[in-house]
Amino acid sequence: MKMNVTIPSGFKIGHYEDEFTGVSVILAENGAVGGVDCRGGAPGTRETDLLHNEKMMQKVNAVVLSGGSAYGLASTVGVMEYLKQNGKGFKSMGKIVPIVCGAVLYDLNQKEYHYPTAQYGLNACKNASKTLDFGNIGAGRGATVGKIRGLKNACKSGIGAATVKVAGVTVTAVVAVNAMGDVVDESGKIIAGAKGKKGEFIDTEKCLSNGEFAKLLLGTNTTIGCIITDAKLSKVEANLIASISHNGLARAIRPVHTMYDGDTMFCLASGRRPVVNLAPVQSAAVEATAKAIVNAVSKSAQYEIVFDQDEDCDTQQ
């Protein structure tokens, strides 16, 4: 199954991983208006407060999605180093301070500690100029879904992407799926999740509502992602897009936003395309997010990546 994904002009995406975990970085080297919405009870994030509407910072240079739980936040330092070396970031007192936001998922599933370091983040940035793909790579390397009966009965997941175009605007979602719940398709059918003794899907949502569970592991989940768009958005609007994108999580993951998840969605807007009405962009963000989640768990997903390099439209923020 081939997925057509467009990377809007002004953005680059790179991955780096080892056998157990990894990093995915979304670069907006010249800056993009940013927003965020963090839900669930077990988040791990960096520089999300500065994205709040009342804060002074308007543009972000990168969003980092990483494995490794809180240890994985170290990968953002490598992204900062890469941007500093290239002279990209907020200029202050003769110095450059790249604005790098990030979120992590829990994939510390081995006896030994395996987590992304600053070098992983730097390598992911260097890979951003190379051939792009999605799946069991980057932040999705150690991701799993449906963990109500433990990892042995869960399904392998990954990082997925999907694009929806509306009113001349490109809206692309990039999501690393590491949820406690099951992933369902548009019909509501479970396509990845917790399995029973015979390999059948046991329906996590029903198990919870019926009280049929042995134990839950606190903080061992989390779905993280980012909406990237060429739409011209204000900071308030970027936060609205990040917020409504969680509806896409609710469509595709059941249950979602539990106290055992730390779901975080970002939005980056390059401002190259004017927006007359925000509602279609919001709707596109929800649809793209849901599709990206389904793609993340699809073993047959094959991506056809298009890099939009249109420079003839409005670039003023």
C-alpha atoms as a PDB file:
ATOM      1  CA  MET A   1       0.000   0.000   0.000  1.00  0.00           C
ATOM      2  CA  LYS A   2       1.618   3.246  -1.188  1.00  0.00           C
ATOM      3  CA  MET A   3       1.249   6.446   0.845  1.00  0.00           C
ATOM      4  CA  ASN A   4       1.716   9.795  -0.884  1.00  0.00           C
ATOM      5  CA  VAL A   5       3.272  12.222   1.583  1.00  0.00           C
ATOM      6  CA  THR A   6       4.219  15.808   0.820  1.00  0.00           C
ATOM      7  CA  ILE A   7       6.844  17.639   2.865  1.00  0.00           C
ATOM      8  CA  PRO A   8       5.877  21.330   2.684  1.00  0.00           C
ATOM      9  CA  SER A   9       8.497  23.814   1.588  1.00  0.00           C
ATOM     10  CA  GLY A  10      10.565  25.115   4.478  1.00  0.00           C
ATOM     11  CA  PHE A  11      10.818  21.772   6.296  1.00  0.00           C
ATOM     12  CA  LYS A  12      13.201  18.821   6.342  1.00  0.00           C
ATOM     13  CA  ILE A  13      12.805  15.530   8.216  1.00  0.00           C
ATOM     14  CA  GLY A  14      15.568  13.178   9.283  1.00  0.00           C
ATOM     15  CA  HIS A  15      15.803   9.951  11.292  1.00  0.00           C
ATOM     16  CA  TYR A  16      18.505   8.113  13.151  1.00  0.00           C
ATOM     17  CA  GLU A  17      18.191   4.869  15.083  1.00  0.00           C
ATOM     18  CA  ASP A  18      20.038   1.900  16.479  1.00  0.00           C
ATOM     19  CA  GLU A  19      18.689  -1.601  17.057  1.00  0.00           C
ATOM     20  CA  PHE A  20      16.464  -0.518  19.937  1.00  0.00           C
ATOM     21  CA  THR A  21      15.504   3.164  19.756  1.00  0.00           C
ATOM     22  CA  GLY A  22      15.868   6.321  17.712  1.00  0.00           C
ATOM     23  CA  VAL A  23      15.176   9.953  16.921  1.00  0.00           C
ATOM     24  CA  SER A  24      13.157  11.800  14.290  1.00  0.00           C
ATOM     25  CA  VAL A  25      13.753  15.512  13.781  1.00  0.00           C
ATOM     26  CA  ILE A  26      11.592  18.004  11.908  1.00  0.00           C
ATOM     27  CA  LEU A  27      13.735  20.951  10.890  1.00  0.00           C
ATOM     28  CA  ALA A  28      12.444  24.433  10.114  1.00  0.00           C
ATOM     29  CA  GLU A  29      15.872  26.012   9.874  1.00  0.00           C
ATOM     30  CA  ASN A  30      14.580  29.470   8.960  1.00  0.00           C
ATOM     31  CA  GLY A  31      11.878  29.316  11.615  1.00  0.00           C
ATOM     32  CA  ALA A  32       8.217  28.323  11.703  1.00  0.00           C
ATOM     33  CA  VAL A  33       5.374  29.476  13.909  1.00  0.00           C
ATOM     34  CA  GLY A  34       4.883  26.805  16.568  1.00  0.00           C
ATOM     35  CA  GLY A  35       2.123  25.409  18.754  1.00  0.00           C
ATOM     36  CA  VAL A  36       1.695  22.441  21.080  1.00  0.00           C
ATOM     37  CA  ASP A  37      -0.901  20.502  23.040  1.00  0.00           C
ATOM     38  CA  CYS A  38       0.192  17.941  25.623  1.00  0.00           C
ATOM     39  CA  ARG A  39      -2.322  15.469  27.066  1.00  0.00           C
ATOM     40  CA  GLY A  40      -2.304  12.287  29.066  1.00  0.00           C
ATOM     41  CA  GLY A  41      -0.745  11.688  32.459  1.00  0.00           C
ATOM     42  CA  ALA A  42       2.865  10.793  31.645  1.00  0.00           C
ATOM     43  CA  PRO A  43       4.471  13.346  29.280  1.00  0.00           C
ATOM     44  CA  GLY A  44       8.155  13.955  28.668  1.00  0.00           C
ATOM     45  CA  THR A  45       8.793  17.241  26.858  1.00  0.00           C
ATOM     46  CA  ARG A  46      11.207  20.105  26.251  1.00  0.00           C
ATOM     47  CA  GLU A  47      10.515  23.806  25.564  1.00  0.00           C
ATOM     48  CA  THR A  48       6.740  23.493  25.365  1.00  0.00           C
ATOM     49  CA  ASP A  49       6.035  26.437  27.670  1.00  0.00           C
ATOM     50  CA  LEU A  50       7.521  28.936  25.221  1.00  0.00           C
ATOM     51  CA  LEU A  51       4.907  27.853  22.646  1.00  0.00           C
ATOM     52  CA  HIS A  52       2.068  29.136  24.819  1.00  0.00           C
ATOM     53  CA  ASN A  53       0.250  32.069  23.288  1.00  0.00           C
ATOM     54  CA  GLU A  54       1.331  34.589  25.929  1.00  0.00           C
ATOM     55  CA  LYS A  55       5.069  33.854  25.581  1.00  0.00           C
ATOM     56  CA  MET A  56       7.319  36.084  23.456  1.00  0.00           C
ATOM     57  CA  MET A  57       8.923  33.471  21.185  1.00  0.00           C
ATOM     58  CA  GLN A  58       7.162  33.290  17.831  1.00  0.00           C
ATOM     59  CA  LYS A  59       9.262  30.914  15.743  1.00  0.00           C
ATOM     60  CA  VAL A  60      10.703  27.439  16.276  1.00  0.00           C
ATOM     61  CA  ASN A  61      13.681  25.911  14.448  1.00  0.00           C
ATOM     62  CA  ALA A  62      12.997  22.225  15.130  1.00  0.00           C
ATOM     63  CA  VAL A  63      10.750  19.676  16.771  1.00  0.00           C
ATOM     64  CA  VAL A  64      12.411  16.491  17.993  1.00  0.00           C
ATOM     65  CA  LEU A  65      10.545  13.222  18.505  1.00  0.00           C
ATOM     66  CA  SER A  66      12.614  10.695  20.439  1.00  0.00           C
ATOM     67  CA  GLY A  67      12.597   7.337  22.136  1.00  0.00           C
ATOM     68  CA  GLY A  68      14.385   6.694  25.409  1.00  0.00           C
ATOM     69  CA  SER A  69      11.861   8.205  27.807  1.00  0.00           C
ATOM     70  CA  ALA A  70      13.276  11.237  29.668  1.00  0.00           C
ATOM     71  CA  TYR A  71      16.820  10.171  28.758  1.00  0.00           C
ATOM     72  CA  GLY A  72      15.938  10.782  25.110  1.00  0.00           C
ATOM     73  CA  LEU A  73      15.584  14.516  25.713  1.00  0.00           C
ATOM     74  CA  ALA A  74      19.386  14.625  25.427  1.00  0.00           C
ATOM     75  CA  SER A  75      18.963  14.167  21.668  1.00  0.00           C
ATOM     76  CA  THR A  76      17.639  17.732  21.394  1.00  0.00           C
ATOM     77  CA  VAL A  77      21.096  19.029  22.369  1.00  0.00           C
ATOM     78  CA  GLY A  78      22.549  17.509  19.210  1.00  0.00           C
ATOM     79  CA  VAL A  79      19.859  19.212  17.142  1.00  0.00           C
ATOM     80  CA  MET A  80      20.758  22.539  18.775  1.00  0.00           C
ATOM     81  CA  GLU A  81      24.416  21.960  17.941  1.00  0.00           C
ATOM     82  CA  TYR A  82      23.591  21.248  14.296  1.00  0.00           C
ATOM     83  CA  LEU A  83      21.507  24.413  13.981  1.00  0.00           C
ATOM     84  CA  LYS A  84      24.140  26.512  15.759  1.00  0.00           C
ATOM     85  CA  GLN A  85      26.813  25.235  13.368  1.00  0.00           C
ATOM     86  CA  ASN A  86      24.612  26.362  10.486  1.00  0.00           C
ATOM     87  CA  GLY A  87      23.861  29.773  11.991  1.00  0.00           C
ATOM     88  CA  LYS A  88      20.156  29.057  12.515  1.00  0.00           C
ATOM     89  CA  GLY A  89      18.284  30.207  15.583  1.00  0.00           C
ATOM     90  CA  PHE A  90      17.279  33.147  17.742  1.00  0.00           C
ATOM     91  CA  LYS A  91      19.951  35.831  17.711  1.00  0.00           C
ATOM     92  CA  SER A  92      20.705  37.417  21.076  1.00  0.00           C
ATOM     93  CA  MET A  93      23.722  39.414  22.344  1.00  0.00           C
ATOM     94  CA  GLY A  94      25.910  38.211  19.503  1.00  0.00           C
ATOM     95  CA  LYS A  95      24.982  34.583  20.114  1.00  0.00           C
ATOM     96  CA  ILE A  96      22.676  32.140  18.331  1.00  0.00           C
ATOM     97  CA  VAL A  97      20.191  30.140  20.364  1.00  0.00           C
ATOM     98  CA  PRO A  98      18.273  27.589  18.252  1.00  0.00           C
ATOM     99  CA  ILE A  99      14.708  27.105  19.468  1.00  0.00           C
ATOM    100  CA  VAL A 100      14.279  23.344  19.681  1.00  0.00           C
ATOM    101  CA  CYS A 101      11.169  21.727  21.141  1.00  0.00           C
ATOM    102  CA  GLY A 102      10.755  18.030  21.745  1.00  0.00           C
ATOM    103  CA  ALA A 103       8.837  15.129  23.204  1.00  0.00           C
ATOM    104  CA  VAL A 104       9.802  11.576  24.096  1.00  0.00           C
ATOM    105  CA  LEU A 105       8.137   8.190  24.193  1.00  0.00           C
ATOM    106  CA  TYR A 106       8.918   5.270  26.479  1.00  0.00           C
ATOM    107  CA  ASP A 107      10.745   2.394  24.794  1.00  0.00           C
ATOM    108  CA  LEU A 108      13.144   1.274  27.537  1.00  0.00           C
ATOM    109  CA  ASN A 109      12.144  -2.308  26.883  1.00  0.00           C
ATOM    110  CA  GLN A 110      15.505  -4.079  27.261  1.00  0.00           C
ATOM    111  CA  LYS A 111      17.394  -5.181  30.378  1.00  0.00           C
ATOM    112  CA  GLU A 112      20.142  -2.695  29.509  1.00  0.00           C
ATOM    113  CA  TYR A 113      19.590   1.018  29.032  1.00  0.00           C
ATOM    114  CA  HIS A 114      19.305   2.053  25.395  1.00  0.00           C
ATOM    115  CA  TYR A 115      18.391   5.652  24.688  1.00  0.00           C
ATOM    116  CA  PRO A 116      19.202   8.389  22.159  1.00  0.00           C
ATOM    117  CA  THR A 117      22.063  10.750  22.956  1.00  0.00           C
ATOM    118  CA  ALA A 118      22.977  14.167  21.574  1.00  0.00           C
ATOM    119  CA  GLN A 119      24.864  12.392  18.772  1.00  0.00           C
ATOM    120  CA  TYR A 120      21.635  10.704  17.682  1.00  0.00           C
ATOM    121  CA  GLY A 121      19.983  14.106  17.290  1.00  0.00           C
ATOM    122  CA  LEU A 122      22.947  15.449  15.344  1.00  0.00           C
ATOM    123  CA  ASN A 123      22.947  12.394  13.064  1.00  0.00           C
ATOM    124  CA  ALA A 124      19.205  12.731  12.445  1.00  0.00           C
ATOM    125  CA  CYS A 125      19.760  16.325  11.293  1.00  0.00           C
ATOM    126  CA  LYS A 126      22.547  15.236   8.943  1.00  0.00           C
ATOM    127  CA  ASN A 127      20.224  12.567   7.515  1.00  0.00           C
ATOM    128  CA  ALA A 128      17.518  15.152   6.799  1.00  0.00           C
ATOM    129  CA  SER A 129      19.049  15.892   3.405  1.00  0.00           C
ATOM    130  CA  LYS A 130      18.955  12.251   2.371  1.00  0.00           C
ATOM    131  CA  THR A 131      16.170   9.965   1.118  1.00  0.00           C
ATOM    132  CA  LEU A 132      13.224  10.087   3.506  1.00  0.00           C
ATOM    133  CA  ASP A 133      11.082   7.202   4.691  1.00  0.00           C
ATOM    134  CA  PHE A 134       8.840   6.239   7.606  1.00  0.00           C
ATOM    135  CA  GLY A 135       8.053   3.025   9.485  1.00  0.00           C
ATOM    136  CA  ASN A 136      10.162   1.136  12.024  1.00  0.00           C
ATOM    137  CA  ILE A 137      12.822   3.863  12.058  1.00  0.00           C
ATOM    138  CA  GLY A 138      13.693   7.006  13.996  1.00  0.00           C
ATOM    139  CA  ALA A 139      11.463   7.678  16.978  1.00  0.00           C
ATOM    140  CA  GLY A 140       9.304   4.732  15.937  1.00  0.00           C
ATOM    141  CA  ARG A 141      12.106   2.177  16.242  1.00  0.00           C
ATOM    142  CA  GLY A 142      11.136   0.859  19.686  1.00  0.00           C
ATOM    143  CA  ALA A 143       7.446   1.768  19.540  1.00  0.00           C
ATOM    144  CA  THR A 144       4.675  -0.714  20.336  1.00  0.00           C
ATOM    145  CA  VAL A 145       0.895  -0.546  20.794  1.00  0.00           C
ATOM    146  CA  GLY A 146      -1.638  -2.484  22.852  1.00  0.00           C
ATOM    147  CA  LYS A 147       0.326  -3.133  26.039  1.00  0.00           C
ATOM    148  CA  ILE A 148      -2.438  -3.983  28.479  1.00  0.00           C
ATOM    149  CA  ARG A 149      -1.112  -7.582  28.641  1.00  0.00           C
ATOM    150  CA  GLY A 150       2.562  -6.628  28.480  1.00  0.00           C
ATOM    151  CA  LEU A 151       5.033  -6.318  25.624  1.00  0.00           C
ATOM    152  CA  LYS A 152       4.861 -10.005  24.716  1.00  0.00           C
ATOM    153  CA  ASN A 153       1.230  -9.541  23.704  1.00  0.00           C
ATOM    154  CA  ALA A 154       1.621  -6.118  22.078  1.00  0.00           C
ATOM    155  CA  CYS A 155       2.060  -5.222  18.398  1.00  0.00           C
ATOM    156  CA  LYS A 156       5.075  -3.581  16.786  1.00  0.00           C
ATOM    157  CA  SER A 157       4.492  -0.005  15.733  1.00  0.00           C
ATOM    158  CA  GLY A 158       6.568   2.813  14.254  1.00  0.00           C
ATOM    159  CA  ILE A 159       6.441   6.360  12.968  1.00  0.00           C
ATOM    160  CA  GLY A 160       3.900   7.177  10.282  1.00  0.00           C
ATOM    161  CA  ALA A 161       3.016  10.118   8.077  1.00  0.00           C
ATOM    162  CA  ALA A 162       0.085  11.296   5.990  1.00  0.00           C
ATOM    163  CA  THR A 163      -0.819  14.371   3.955  1.00  0.00           C
ATOM    164  CA  VAL A 164      -4.141  16.101   3.373  1.00  0.00           C
ATOM    165  CA  LYS A 165      -4.385  19.082   1.016  1.00  0.00           C
ATOM    166  CA  VAL A 166      -7.167  21.622   1.326  1.00  0.00           C
ATOM    167  CA  ALA A 167      -7.787  25.106  -0.108  1.00  0.00           C
ATOM    168  CA  GLY A 168      -4.272  25.327  -1.526  1.00  0.00           C
ATOM    169  CA  VAL A 169      -2.679  24.396   1.796  1.00  0.00           C
ATOM    170  CA  THR A 170      -0.623  21.280   2.560  1.00  0.00           C
ATOM    171  CA  VAL A 171      -1.139  19.649   5.958  1.00  0.00           C
ATOM    172  CA  THR A 172       1.156  16.733   6.825  1.00  0.00           C
ATOM    173  CA  ALA A 173       1.141  14.781  10.081  1.00  0.00           C
ATOM    174  CA  VAL A 174       4.174  12.894  11.384  1.00  0.00           C
ATOM    175  CA  VAL A 175       3.334  10.639  14.361  1.00  0.00           C
ATOM    176  CA  ALA A 176       5.334   8.120  16.408  1.00  0.00           C
ATOM    177  CA  VAL A 177       2.791   5.712  17.885  1.00  0.00           C
ATOM    178  CA  ASN A 178       3.588   4.067  21.229  1.00  0.00           C
ATOM    179  CA  ALA A 179       0.107   3.870  22.726  1.00  0.00           C
ATOM    180  CA  MET A 180      -1.297   1.772  25.534  1.00  0.00           C
ATOM    181  CA  GLY A 181      -4.481   1.389  23.510  1.00  0.00           C
ATOM    182  CA  ASP A 182      -5.291  -0.331  20.220  1.00  0.00           C
ATOM    183  CA  VAL A 183      -5.103   1.268  16.769  1.00  0.00           C
ATOM    184  CA  VAL A 184      -8.276   1.121  14.670  1.00  0.00           C
ATOM    185  CA  ASP A 185      -8.955   1.874  11.025  1.00  0.00           C
ATOM    186  CA  GLU A 186     -11.677   4.144   9.630  1.00  0.00           C
ATOM    187  CA  SER A 187     -14.306   1.440  10.144  1.00  0.00           C
ATOM    188  CA  GLY A 188     -13.362   1.012  13.805  1.00  0.00           C
ATOM    189  CA  LYS A 189     -11.709  -2.359  13.213  1.00  0.00           C
ATOM    190  CA  ILE A 190      -8.661  -3.064  15.384  1.00  0.00           C
ATOM    191  CA  ILE A 191      -5.586  -3.397  13.178  1.00  0.00           C
ATOM    192  CA  ALA A 192      -2.906  -3.396  15.906  1.00  0.00           C
ATOM    193  CA  GLY A 193      -3.158  -3.856  19.656  1.00  0.00           C
ATOM    194  CA  ALA A 194      -3.179  -6.199  22.618  1.00  0.00           C
ATOM    195  CA  LYS A 195      -3.539  -9.888  21.787  1.00  0.00           C
ATOM    196  CA  GLY A 196      -5.002 -12.849  23.632  1.00  0.00           C
ATOM    197  CA  LYS A 197      -3.587 -16.340  24.076  1.00  0.00           C
ATOM    198  CA  LYS A 198      -4.650 -17.376  20.575  1.00  0.00           C
ATOM    199  CA  GLY A 199      -3.271 -14.248  18.916  1.00  0.00           C
ATOM    200  CA  GLU A 200      -6.647 -12.541  18.638  1.00  0.00           C
ATOM    201  CA  PHE A 201      -7.164  -8.858  19.450  1.00  0.00           C
ATOM    202  CA  ILE A 202      -8.786  -8.672  22.876  1.00  0.00           C
ATOM    203  CA  ASP A 203     -10.036  -5.042  22.599  1.00  0.00           C
ATOM    204  CA  THR A 204      -8.235  -2.988  25.237  1.00  0.00           C
ATOM    205  CA  GLU A 205     -11.118  -0.556  25.652  1.00  0.00           C
ATOM    206  CA  LYS A 206     -13.568  -3.319  26.501  1.00  0.00           C
ATOM    207  CA  CYS A 207     -11.083  -4.970  28.852  1.00  0.00           C
ATOM    208  CA  LEU A 208     -10.721  -1.742  30.785  1.00  0.00           C
ATOM    209  CA  SER A 209     -14.440  -1.058  30.980  1.00  0.00           C
ATOM    210  CA  ASN A 210     -15.076  -4.637  32.137  1.00  0.00           C
ATOM    211  CA  GLY A 211     -12.240  -4.559  34.664  1.00  0.00           C
ATOM    212  CA  GLU A 212     -10.533  -7.468  32.902  1.00  0.00           C
ATOM    213  CA  PHE A 213      -6.876  -6.564  33.261  1.00  0.00           C
ATOM    214  CA  ALA A 214      -4.002  -7.743  35.416  1.00  0.00           C
ATOM    215  CA  LYS A 215      -1.776  -4.669  35.622  1.00  0.00           C
ATOM    216  CA  LEU A 216      -0.866  -1.503  33.788  1.00  0.00           C
ATOM    217  CA  LEU A 217       2.662  -0.130  33.584  1.00  0.00           C
ATOM    218  CA  LEU A 218       2.700   3.560  34.456  1.00  0.00           C
ATOM    219  CA  GLY A 219       4.373   5.791  31.885  1.00  0.00           C
ATOM    220  CA  THR A 220       5.388   3.057  29.435  1.00  0.00           C
ATOM    221  CA  ASN A 221       3.426   4.514  26.537  1.00  0.00           C
ATOM    222  CA  THR A 222       2.914   7.840  24.706  1.00  0.00           C
ATOM    223  CA  THR A 223       2.087   8.951  21.164  1.00  0.00           C
ATOM    224  CA  ILE A 224       4.009  11.993  19.925  1.00  0.00           C
ATOM    225  CA  GLY A 225       3.871  13.875  16.666  1.00  0.00           C
ATOM    226  CA  CYS A 226       3.829  17.100  14.712  1.00  0.00           C
ATOM    227  CA  ILE A 227       1.634  18.768  12.117  1.00  0.00           C
ATOM    228  CA  ILE A 228       3.705  20.568   9.500  1.00  0.00           C
ATOM    229  CA  THR A 229       1.985  22.938   7.119  1.00  0.00           C
ATOM    230  CA  ASP A 230       2.746  25.731   4.667  1.00  0.00           C
ATOM    231  CA  ALA A 231      -0.288  27.635   5.952  1.00  0.00           C
ATOM    232  CA  LYS A 232       0.184  31.192   7.203  1.00  0.00           C
ATOM    233  CA  LEU A 233      -0.860  30.864  10.843  1.00  0.00           C
ATOM    234  CA  SER A 234      -0.579  33.005  13.923  1.00  0.00           C
ATOM    235  CA  LYS A 235       0.776  31.501  17.113  1.00  0.00           C
ATOM    236  CA  VAL A 236      -2.784  31.227  18.453  1.00  0.00           C
ATOM    237  CA  GLU A 237      -3.865  29.373  15.310  1.00  0.00           C
ATOM    238  CA  ALA A 238      -0.849  27.034  15.432  1.00  0.00           C
ATOM    239  CA  ASN A 239      -1.814  26.092  18.979  1.00  0.00           C
ATOM    240  CA  LEU A 240      -5.396  25.492  17.826  1.00  0.00           C
ATOM    241  CA  ILE A 241      -4.140  23.141  15.104  1.00  0.00           C
ATOM    242  CA  ALA A 242      -1.976  21.247  17.599  1.00  0.00           C
ATOM    243  CA  SER A 243      -4.958  20.970  19.928  1.00  0.00           C
ATOM    244  CA  ILE A 244      -7.493  19.737  17.398  1.00  0.00           C
ATOM    245  CA  SER A 245      -5.015  17.233  15.951  1.00  0.00           C
ATOM    246  CA  HIS A 246      -5.610  15.209  19.128  1.00  0.00           C
ATOM    247  CA  ASN A 247      -9.036  14.413  17.657  1.00  0.00           C
ATOM    248  CA  GLY A 248      -7.080  12.348  15.133  1.00  0.00           C
ATOM    249  CA  LEU A 249      -5.544  10.397  18.010  1.00  0.00           C
ATOM    250  CA  ALA A 250      -9.030   9.810  19.404  1.00  0.00           C
ATOM    251  CA  ARG A 251     -10.215   8.501  16.037  1.00  0.00           C
ATOM    252  CA  ALA A 252      -7.391   6.017  15.611  1.00  0.00           C
ATOM    253  CA  ILE A 253      -6.357   4.989  19.165  1.00  0.00           C
ATOM    254  CA  ARG A 254      -8.690   3.403  21.724  1.00  0.00           C
ATOM    255  CA  PRO A 255      -8.411   4.297  24.525  1.00  0.00           C
ATOM    256  CA  VAL A 256      -6.246   7.404  24.276  1.00  0.00           C
ATOM    257  CA  HIS A 257      -5.017  10.180  26.593  1.00  0.00           C
ATOM    258  CA  THR A 258      -5.027   7.896  29.623  1.00  0.00           C
ATOM    259  CA  MET A 259      -2.937   8.541  32.722  1.00  0.00           C
ATOM    260  CA  TYR A 260      -0.531   5.937  31.322  1.00  0.00           C
ATOM    261  CA  ASP A 261       0.042   7.943  28.105  1.00  0.00           C
ATOM    262  CA  GLY A 262       1.842  11.264  27.615  1.00  0.00           C
ATOM    263  CA  ASP A 263       0.419  12.199  24.221  1.00  0.00           C
ATOM    264  CA  THR A 264       1.919  15.374  22.763  1.00  0.00           C
ATOM    265  CA  MET A 265       1.237  17.001  19.397  1.00  0.00           C
ATOM    266  CA  PHE A 266       3.108  19.966  17.931  1.00  0.00           C
ATOM    267  CA  CYS A 267       2.305  22.208  14.973  1.00  0.00           C
ATOM    268  CA  LEU A 268       4.804  24.039  12.771  1.00  0.00           C
ATOM    269  CA  ALA A 269       3.606  26.508  10.134  1.00  0.00           C
ATOM    270  CA  SER A 270       5.982  27.978   7.550  1.00  0.00           C
ATOM    271  CA  GLY A 271       3.538  30.728   6.528  1.00  0.00           C
ATOM    272  CA  ARG A 272       3.949  30.339   2.776  1.00  0.00           C
ATOM    273  CA  ARG A 273       0.239  29.951   1.923  1.00  0.00           C
ATOM    274  CA  PRO A 274      -2.511  32.361   2.965  1.00  0.00           C
ATOM    275  CA  VAL A 275      -5.454  30.953   4.920  1.00  0.00           C
ATOM    276  CA  VAL A 276      -8.918  32.430   4.479  1.00  0.00           C
ATOM    277  CA  ASN A 277     -10.668  30.118   6.923  1.00  0.00           C
ATOM    278  CA  LEU A 278      -8.944  28.044   9.619  1.00  0.00           C
ATOM    279  CA  ALA A 279     -11.673  25.389   9.849  1.00  0.00           C
ATOM    280  CA  PRO A 280     -10.642  23.412   6.729  1.00  0.00           C
ATOM    281  CA  VAL A 281      -7.033  23.355   7.951  1.00  0.00           C
ATOM    282  CA  GLN A 282      -8.189  22.079  11.339  1.00  0.00           C
ATOM    283  CA  SER A 283     -10.221  19.335   9.689  1.00  0.00           C
ATOM    284  CA  ALA A 284      -7.252  18.370   7.505  1.00  0.00           C
ATOM    285  CA  ALA A 285      -5.004  18.154  10.592  1.00  0.00           C
ATOM    286  CA  VAL A 286      -7.388  15.699  12.246  1.00  0.00           C
ATOM    287  CA  GLU A 287      -7.647  13.525   9.145  1.00  0.00           C
ATOM    288  CA  ALA A 288      -3.899  13.540   8.493  1.00  0.00           C
ATOM    289  CA  THR A 289      -3.144  12.612  12.111  1.00  0.00           C
ATOM    290  CA  ALA A 290      -5.544   9.659  12.110  1.00  0.00           C
ATOM    291  CA  LYS A 291      -4.136   8.390   8.810  1.00  0.00           C
ATOM    292  CA  ALA A 292      -0.539   8.797   9.993  1.00  0.00           C
ATOM    293  CA  ILE A 293      -1.293   6.663  13.054  1.00  0.00           C
ATOM    294  CA  VAL A 294      -2.807   3.904  10.927  1.00  0.00           C
ATOM    295  CA  ASN A 295       0.185   4.084   8.581  1.00  0.00           C
ATOM    296  CA  ALA A 296       2.569   3.797  11.540  1.00  0.00           C
ATOM    297  CA  VAL A 297       1.326   0.303  12.379  1.00  0.00           C
ATOM    298  CA  SER A 298       0.876  -0.891   8.801  1.00  0.00           C
ATOM    299  CA  LYS A 299       3.583  -3.382   7.839  1.00  0.00           C
ATOM    300  CA  SER A 300       2.732  -2.967   4.159  1.00  0.00           C
ATOM    301  CA  ALA A 301       2.952   0.845   4.116  1.00  0.00           C
ATOM    302  CA  GLN A 302       5.235   2.184   1.386  1.00  0.00           C
ATOM    303  CA  TYR A 303       5.807   5.909   1.082  1.00  0.00           C
ATOM    304  CA  GLU A 304       6.120   8.081  -1.994  1.00  0.00           C
ATOM    305  CA  ILE A 305       7.616  11.319  -0.684  1.00  0.00           C
ATOM    306  CA  VAL A 306       7.174  14.629  -2.508  1.00  0.00           C
ATOM    307  CA  PHE A 307       9.251  17.634  -1.450  1.00  0.00           C
ATOM    308  CA  ASP A 308       7.359  20.851  -2.119  1.00  0.00           C
ATOM    309  CA  GLN A 309       9.904  23.514  -3.061  1.00  0.00           C
ATOM    310  CA  ASP A 310       7.485  26.187  -4.262  1.00  0.00           C
ATOM    311  CA  GLU A 311       9.075  29.533  -3.402  1.00  0.00           C
ATOM    312  CA  ASP A 312       6.665  31.732  -5.364  1.00  0.00           C
ATOM    313  CA  CYS A 313       4.049  32.118  -2.655  1.00  0.00           C
ATOM    314  CA  ASP A 314       3.783  34.476   0.311  1.00  0.00           C
ATOM    315  CA  THR A 315       6.677  33.941   2.726  1.00  0.00           C
ATOM    316  CA  GLN A 316       5.914  36.770   5.118  1.00  0.00           C
ATOM    317  CA  GLN A 317       4.808  35.713   8.590  1.00  0.00           C
END
